[in-house]
Amino acid sequence: MELERAVGELEVGLFVYNAGADMRSVDFLDKPVEEHLAMVRRNCSSVLDSTYRFGRAMVERGHGGVVLVTSGAGWVGGAHLVTYGASKAFDLILAEGLWAEWRGHGVDVLSLVLSATNTPSYHRNLEAKGADPQRALADPDEVVAEALEHLADGPTWIAGGAANPGSPFGAMPRRDAVLLMSGASVGNAG
């Protein structure tokens, strides 16, 4: 793995995986399958591989931290976000499971759920759609500070969530949640 070779003998004490924006939120069949597969590699296979490699050393040392950045799109399926949402759900569940396994080994694992964040990729996605932000965007520096502050509060932390109650869909029937997510994805970048 290229990342592992680049790190060499350095002790990685905190591993943060933050990649995977969907630059073309369109209908599932309007995107080539190669783009879907590339997103799965970026948001699932690479996350799993990296976390396995760096997490093993942390568990063996008995200390460390892992933050897997996911998205509110991972809470429930939605139109125009099919593969992106599914891959971010993978990241969320992976982090939660690793938190359960590694918390007794001195390794903090956090699934950091983001909402719309003021990043270059978010703005590129909006520009590609000819859209303007329709909501306030989270400040990346504040998101980072919040993640570090709550690293030990895993398994999941919702960035900007004052009380962090869990999924914003609560006990809503899945069908209604999917329709709500689908409506929210139209005109908004995920």
C-alpha atoms as a PDB file:
ATOM      1  CA  MET A   1       0.000   0.000   0.000  1.00  0.00           C
ATOM      2  CA  GLU A   2       1.402   3.380  -1.057  1.00  0.00           C
ATOM      3  CA  LEU A   3       0.272   5.201   2.103  1.00  0.00           C
ATOM      4  CA  GLU A   4       1.932   2.628   4.338  1.00  0.00           C
ATOM      5  CA  ARG A   5       5.181   2.918   2.354  1.00  0.00           C
ATOM      6  CA  ALA A   6       5.083   6.714   2.619  1.00  0.00           C
ATOM      7  CA  VAL A   7       4.699   6.527   6.407  1.00  0.00           C
ATOM      8  CA  GLY A   8       7.588   4.076   6.692  1.00  0.00           C
ATOM      9  CA  GLU A   9       8.709   3.512  10.266  1.00  0.00           C
ATOM     10  CA  LEU A  10       6.817   6.499  11.725  1.00  0.00           C
ATOM     11  CA  GLU A  11       4.463   5.639  14.554  1.00  0.00           C
ATOM     12  CA  VAL A  12       0.987   6.704  13.481  1.00  0.00           C
ATOM     13  CA  GLY A  13      -0.831   7.737  16.634  1.00  0.00           C
ATOM     14  CA  LEU A  14      -3.932   9.181  14.949  1.00  0.00           C
ATOM     15  CA  PHE A  15      -5.310   7.987  11.641  1.00  0.00           C
ATOM     16  CA  VAL A  16      -8.026  10.081   9.983  1.00  0.00           C
ATOM     17  CA  TYR A  17      -9.680   8.890   6.778  1.00  0.00           C
ATOM     18  CA  ASN A  18     -11.480  11.793   5.131  1.00  0.00           C
ATOM     19  CA  ALA A  19     -12.123  11.244   1.453  1.00  0.00           C
ATOM     20  CA  GLY A  20     -14.908  10.344  -0.844  1.00  0.00           C
ATOM     21  CA  ALA A  21     -17.045  13.255  -2.001  1.00  0.00           C
ATOM     22  CA  ASP A  22     -19.498  12.478  -4.782  1.00  0.00           C
ATOM     23  CA  MET A  23     -18.731  14.994  -7.488  1.00  0.00           C
ATOM     24  CA  ARG A  24     -21.715  13.968  -9.607  1.00  0.00           C
ATOM     25  CA  SER A  25     -24.872  13.405  -7.586  1.00  0.00           C
ATOM     26  CA  VAL A  26     -27.103  12.086 -10.349  1.00  0.00           C
ATOM     27  CA  ASP A  27     -29.470   9.182 -10.921  1.00  0.00           C
ATOM     28  CA  PHE A  28     -27.748   5.838 -10.377  1.00  0.00           C
ATOM     29  CA  LEU A  29     -27.965   4.770 -14.038  1.00  0.00           C
ATOM     30  CA  ASP A  30     -26.803   8.176 -15.319  1.00  0.00           C
ATOM     31  CA  LYS A  31     -23.305   7.551 -13.970  1.00  0.00           C
ATOM     32  CA  PRO A  32     -20.975   4.941 -15.482  1.00  0.00           C
ATOM     33  CA  VAL A  33     -20.553   1.847 -13.333  1.00  0.00           C
ATOM     34  CA  GLU A  34     -16.807   2.545 -13.275  1.00  0.00           C
ATOM     35  CA  GLU A  35     -17.487   5.734 -11.276  1.00  0.00           C
ATOM     36  CA  HIS A  36     -19.603   3.778  -8.773  1.00  0.00           C
ATOM     37  CA  LEU A  37     -16.878   1.158  -8.413  1.00  0.00           C
ATOM     38  CA  ALA A  38     -14.203   3.835  -7.971  1.00  0.00           C
ATOM     39  CA  MET A  39     -16.260   5.359  -5.162  1.00  0.00           C
ATOM     40  CA  VAL A  40     -16.612   1.956  -3.478  1.00  0.00           C
ATOM     41  CA  ARG A  41     -12.823   1.502  -3.683  1.00  0.00           C
ATOM     42  CA  ARG A  42     -12.223   4.999  -2.278  1.00  0.00           C
ATOM     43  CA  ASN A  43     -14.895   4.922   0.441  1.00  0.00           C
ATOM     44  CA  CYS A  44     -14.883   1.241   1.398  1.00  0.00           C
ATOM     45  CA  SER A  45     -11.901  -0.817   0.234  1.00  0.00           C
ATOM     46  CA  SER A  46      -9.280   1.884   0.896  1.00  0.00           C
ATOM     47  CA  VAL A  47     -10.806   2.725   4.281  1.00  0.00           C
ATOM     48  CA  LEU A  48     -10.822  -0.926   5.294  1.00  0.00           C
ATOM     49  CA  ASP A  49      -7.265  -1.534   4.075  1.00  0.00           C
ATOM     50  CA  SER A  50      -5.831   1.604   5.711  1.00  0.00           C
ATOM     51  CA  THR A  51      -7.645   1.117   8.993  1.00  0.00           C
ATOM     52  CA  TYR A  52      -6.554  -2.519   9.143  1.00  0.00           C
ATOM     53  CA  ARG A  53      -2.898  -1.662   8.562  1.00  0.00           C
ATOM     54  CA  PHE A  54      -2.629   1.347  10.893  1.00  0.00           C
ATOM     55  CA  GLY A  55      -5.094   0.004  13.457  1.00  0.00           C
ATOM     56  CA  ARG A  56      -3.154  -3.219  13.935  1.00  0.00           C
ATOM     57  CA  ALA A  57      -0.071  -1.306  15.125  1.00  0.00           C
ATOM     58  CA  MET A  58      -2.206   0.834  17.450  1.00  0.00           C
ATOM     59  CA  VAL A  59      -3.853  -2.205  19.025  1.00  0.00           C
ATOM     60  CA  GLU A  60      -0.457  -3.885  19.447  1.00  0.00           C
ATOM     61  CA  ARG A  61       0.968  -0.718  21.104  1.00  0.00           C
ATOM     62  CA  GLY A  62      -2.143  -0.288  23.253  1.00  0.00           C
ATOM     63  CA  HIS A  63      -2.883   3.296  22.234  1.00  0.00           C
ATOM     64  CA  GLY A  64      -3.988   5.401  19.298  1.00  0.00           C
ATOM     65  CA  GLY A  65      -6.966   6.911  17.592  1.00  0.00           C
ATOM     66  CA  VAL A  66      -8.905   6.408  14.367  1.00  0.00           C
ATOM     67  CA  VAL A  67     -11.432   8.825  12.884  1.00  0.00           C
ATOM     68  CA  LEU A  68     -13.441   7.690   9.882  1.00  0.00           C
ATOM     69  CA  VAL A  69     -15.224  10.663   8.376  1.00  0.00           C
ATOM     70  CA  THR A  70     -18.626   9.755   7.055  1.00  0.00           C
ATOM     71  CA  SER A  71     -21.698  11.693   6.000  1.00  0.00           C
ATOM     72  CA  GLY A  72     -25.300  12.242   6.914  1.00  0.00           C
ATOM     73  CA  ALA A  73     -25.960  10.570   3.544  1.00  0.00           C
ATOM     74  CA  GLY A  74     -24.997   7.306   5.276  1.00  0.00           C
ATOM     75  CA  TRP A  75     -27.987   7.379   7.654  1.00  0.00           C
ATOM     76  CA  VAL A  76     -30.479   6.271   5.022  1.00  0.00           C
ATOM     77  CA  GLY A  77     -30.660   5.706   1.271  1.00  0.00           C
ATOM     78  CA  GLY A  78     -31.606   8.537  -1.033  1.00  0.00           C
ATOM     79  CA  ALA A  79     -32.009   9.352  -4.712  1.00  0.00           C
ATOM     80  CA  HIS A  80     -28.918  10.783  -6.419  1.00  0.00           C
ATOM     81  CA  LEU A  81     -26.790   9.554  -3.484  1.00  0.00           C
ATOM     82  CA  VAL A  82     -27.114   5.803  -3.945  1.00  0.00           C
ATOM     83  CA  THR A  83     -23.489   4.661  -4.012  1.00  0.00           C
ATOM     84  CA  TYR A  84     -22.171   7.595  -1.995  1.00  0.00           C
ATOM     85  CA  GLY A  85     -24.688   7.017   0.803  1.00  0.00           C
ATOM     86  CA  ALA A  86     -24.107   3.260   0.792  1.00  0.00           C
ATOM     87  CA  SER A  87     -20.346   3.696   0.985  1.00  0.00           C
ATOM     88  CA  LYS A  88     -20.614   6.222   3.815  1.00  0.00           C
ATOM     89  CA  ALA A  89     -22.925   3.827   5.687  1.00  0.00           C
ATOM     90  CA  PHE A  90     -20.139   1.232   5.322  1.00  0.00           C
ATOM     91  CA  ASP A  91     -17.682   3.673   6.935  1.00  0.00           C
ATOM     92  CA  LEU A  92     -20.076   4.444   9.780  1.00  0.00           C
ATOM     93  CA  ILE A  93     -20.690   0.777  10.589  1.00  0.00           C
ATOM     94  CA  LEU A  94     -16.997  -0.092  10.202  1.00  0.00           C
ATOM     95  CA  ALA A  95     -16.008   2.585  12.726  1.00  0.00           C
ATOM     96  CA  GLU A  96     -18.722   1.581  15.175  1.00  0.00           C
ATOM     97  CA  GLY A  97     -17.677  -2.064  15.028  1.00  0.00           C
ATOM     98  CA  LEU A  98     -13.995  -1.217  15.449  1.00  0.00           C
ATOM     99  CA  TRP A  99     -14.862   1.027  18.400  1.00  0.00           C
ATOM    100  CA  ALA A 100     -16.530  -1.967  20.064  1.00  0.00           C
ATOM    101  CA  GLU A 101     -13.522  -4.211  19.371  1.00  0.00           C
ATOM    102  CA  TRP A 102     -10.667  -1.818  20.099  1.00  0.00           C
ATOM    103  CA  ARG A 103     -11.934   0.295  22.995  1.00  0.00           C
ATOM    104  CA  GLY A 104     -10.545  -2.215  25.483  1.00  0.00           C
ATOM    105  CA  HIS A 105      -7.146  -2.024  23.759  1.00  0.00           C
ATOM    106  CA  GLY A 106      -6.524   1.690  24.297  1.00  0.00           C
ATOM    107  CA  VAL A 107      -7.539   2.703  20.779  1.00  0.00           C
ATOM    108  CA  ASP A 108     -10.267   5.306  20.342  1.00  0.00           C
ATOM    109  CA  VAL A 109     -12.348   4.954  17.184  1.00  0.00           C
ATOM    110  CA  LEU A 110     -14.813   7.594  16.082  1.00  0.00           C
ATOM    111  CA  SER A 111     -17.266   7.663  13.209  1.00  0.00           C
ATOM    112  CA  LEU A 112     -17.526  11.387  12.498  1.00  0.00           C
ATOM    113  CA  VAL A 113     -20.767  12.178  10.693  1.00  0.00           C
ATOM    114  CA  LEU A 114     -20.590  15.403   8.698  1.00  0.00           C
ATOM    115  CA  SER A 115     -23.307  17.562   7.294  1.00  0.00           C
ATOM    116  CA  ALA A 116     -22.596  20.024   4.494  1.00  0.00           C
ATOM    117  CA  THR A 117     -19.086  21.373   5.152  1.00  0.00           C
ATOM    118  CA  ASN A 118     -17.385  24.336   3.545  1.00  0.00           C
ATOM    119  CA  THR A 119     -14.796  22.399   1.531  1.00  0.00           C
ATOM    120  CA  PRO A 120     -13.446  22.793  -2.002  1.00  0.00           C
ATOM    121  CA  SER A 121     -15.106  19.537  -3.095  1.00  0.00           C
ATOM    122  CA  TYR A 122     -18.487  20.703  -1.785  1.00  0.00           C
ATOM    123  CA  HIS A 123     -18.181  23.925  -3.792  1.00  0.00           C
ATOM    124  CA  ARG A 124     -17.029  22.048  -6.926  1.00  0.00           C
ATOM    125  CA  ASN A 125     -20.117  19.856  -6.643  1.00  0.00           C
ATOM    126  CA  LEU A 126     -22.361  22.920  -6.310  1.00  0.00           C
ATOM    127  CA  GLU A 127     -20.669  24.638  -9.267  1.00  0.00           C
ATOM    128  CA  ALA A 128     -21.118  21.540 -11.418  1.00  0.00           C
ATOM    129  CA  LYS A 129     -24.848  21.733 -10.675  1.00  0.00           C
ATOM    130  CA  GLY A 130     -25.046  25.509 -11.056  1.00  0.00           C
ATOM    131  CA  ALA A 131     -26.397  25.720  -7.515  1.00  0.00           C
ATOM    132  CA  ASP A 132     -25.765  27.868  -4.463  1.00  0.00           C
ATOM    133  CA  PRO A 133     -25.560  26.549  -0.903  1.00  0.00           C
ATOM    134  CA  GLN A 134     -29.104  26.330   0.418  1.00  0.00           C
ATOM    135  CA  ARG A 135     -28.020  25.988   4.007  1.00  0.00           C
ATOM    136  CA  ALA A 136     -25.288  27.065   6.369  1.00  0.00           C
ATOM    137  CA  LEU A 137     -22.036  25.199   5.853  1.00  0.00           C
ATOM    138  CA  ALA A 138     -19.940  23.818   8.696  1.00  0.00           C
ATOM    139  CA  ASP A 139     -16.506  25.369   9.151  1.00  0.00           C
ATOM    140  CA  PRO A 140     -13.775  22.726   8.519  1.00  0.00           C
ATOM    141  CA  ASP A 141     -11.535  24.022  11.331  1.00  0.00           C
ATOM    142  CA  GLU A 142     -14.409  23.768  13.808  1.00  0.00           C
ATOM    143  CA  VAL A 143     -15.219  20.251  12.581  1.00  0.00           C
ATOM    144  CA  VAL A 144     -11.602  19.146  13.144  1.00  0.00           C
ATOM    145  CA  ALA A 145     -11.515  20.687  16.627  1.00  0.00           C
ATOM    146  CA  GLU A 146     -14.812  19.029  17.503  1.00  0.00           C
ATOM    147  CA  ALA A 147     -13.634  15.628  16.250  1.00  0.00           C
ATOM    148  CA  LEU A 148     -10.459  15.792  18.321  1.00  0.00           C
ATOM    149  CA  GLU A 149     -12.378  16.996  21.381  1.00  0.00           C
ATOM    150  CA  HIS A 150     -14.801  14.056  21.106  1.00  0.00           C
ATOM    151  CA  LEU A 151     -12.420  11.338  19.901  1.00  0.00           C
ATOM    152  CA  ALA A 152     -12.977   9.367  23.113  1.00  0.00           C
ATOM    153  CA  ASP A 153     -16.773   9.805  22.908  1.00  0.00           C
ATOM    154  CA  GLY A 154     -17.284   7.164  20.207  1.00  0.00           C
ATOM    155  CA  PRO A 155     -18.530   5.263  18.530  1.00  0.00           C
ATOM    156  CA  THR A 156     -20.315   8.013  16.587  1.00  0.00           C
ATOM    157  CA  TRP A 157     -20.247  11.779  16.795  1.00  0.00           C
ATOM    158  CA  ILE A 158     -22.379  14.073  14.667  1.00  0.00           C
ATOM    159  CA  ALA A 159     -20.386  17.196  13.809  1.00  0.00           C
ATOM    160  CA  GLY A 160     -22.251  20.265  15.005  1.00  0.00           C
ATOM    161  CA  GLY A 161     -24.716  18.159  16.977  1.00  0.00           C
ATOM    162  CA  ALA A 162     -25.067  19.737  20.406  1.00  0.00           C
ATOM    163  CA  ALA A 163     -26.575  16.720  22.173  1.00  0.00           C
ATOM    164  CA  ASN A 164     -25.710  14.066  19.566  1.00  0.00           C
ATOM    165  CA  PRO A 165     -28.993  12.167  19.861  1.00  0.00           C
ATOM    166  CA  GLY A 166     -28.177   9.672  17.104  1.00  0.00           C
ATOM    167  CA  SER A 167     -29.709   9.445  13.671  1.00  0.00           C
ATOM    168  CA  PRO A 168     -31.725  12.552  12.833  1.00  0.00           C
ATOM    169  CA  PHE A 169     -34.390  10.223  11.467  1.00  0.00           C
ATOM    170  CA  GLY A 170     -35.074   8.724  14.904  1.00  0.00           C
ATOM    171  CA  ALA A 171     -37.982   6.316  14.853  1.00  0.00           C
ATOM    172  CA  MET A 172     -39.222   7.584  11.492  1.00  0.00           C
ATOM    173  CA  PRO A 173     -40.287   4.706   9.230  1.00  0.00           C
ATOM    174  CA  ARG A 174     -37.487   3.842   6.786  1.00  0.00           C
ATOM    175  CA  ARG A 175     -39.713   4.557   3.788  1.00  0.00           C
ATOM    176  CA  ASP A 176     -40.373   8.104   5.004  1.00  0.00           C
ATOM    177  CA  ALA A 177     -36.701   8.619   5.824  1.00  0.00           C
ATOM    178  CA  VAL A 178     -35.655   7.499   2.324  1.00  0.00           C
ATOM    179  CA  LEU A 179     -38.162   9.884   0.746  1.00  0.00           C
ATOM    180  CA  LEU A 180     -36.982  12.718   2.983  1.00  0.00           C
ATOM    181  CA  MET A 181     -33.314  12.035   2.107  1.00  0.00           C
ATOM    182  CA  SER A 182     -34.222  11.843  -1.577  1.00  0.00           C
ATOM    183  CA  GLY A 183     -35.925  15.211  -1.441  1.00  0.00           C
ATOM    184  CA  ALA A 184     -33.017  16.734   0.451  1.00  0.00           C
ATOM    185  CA  SER A 185     -30.511  15.506  -2.134  1.00  0.00           C
ATOM    186  CA  VAL A 186     -32.224  17.245  -5.040  1.00  0.00           C
ATOM    187  CA  GLY A 187     -30.341  20.485  -5.594  1.00  0.00           C
ATOM    188  CA  ASN A 188     -27.938  19.876  -2.705  1.00  0.00           C
ATOM    189  CA  ALA A 189     -24.527  18.280  -2.751  1.00  0.00           C
ATOM    190  CA  GLY A 190     -24.203  15.364  -0.312  1.00  0.00           C
END
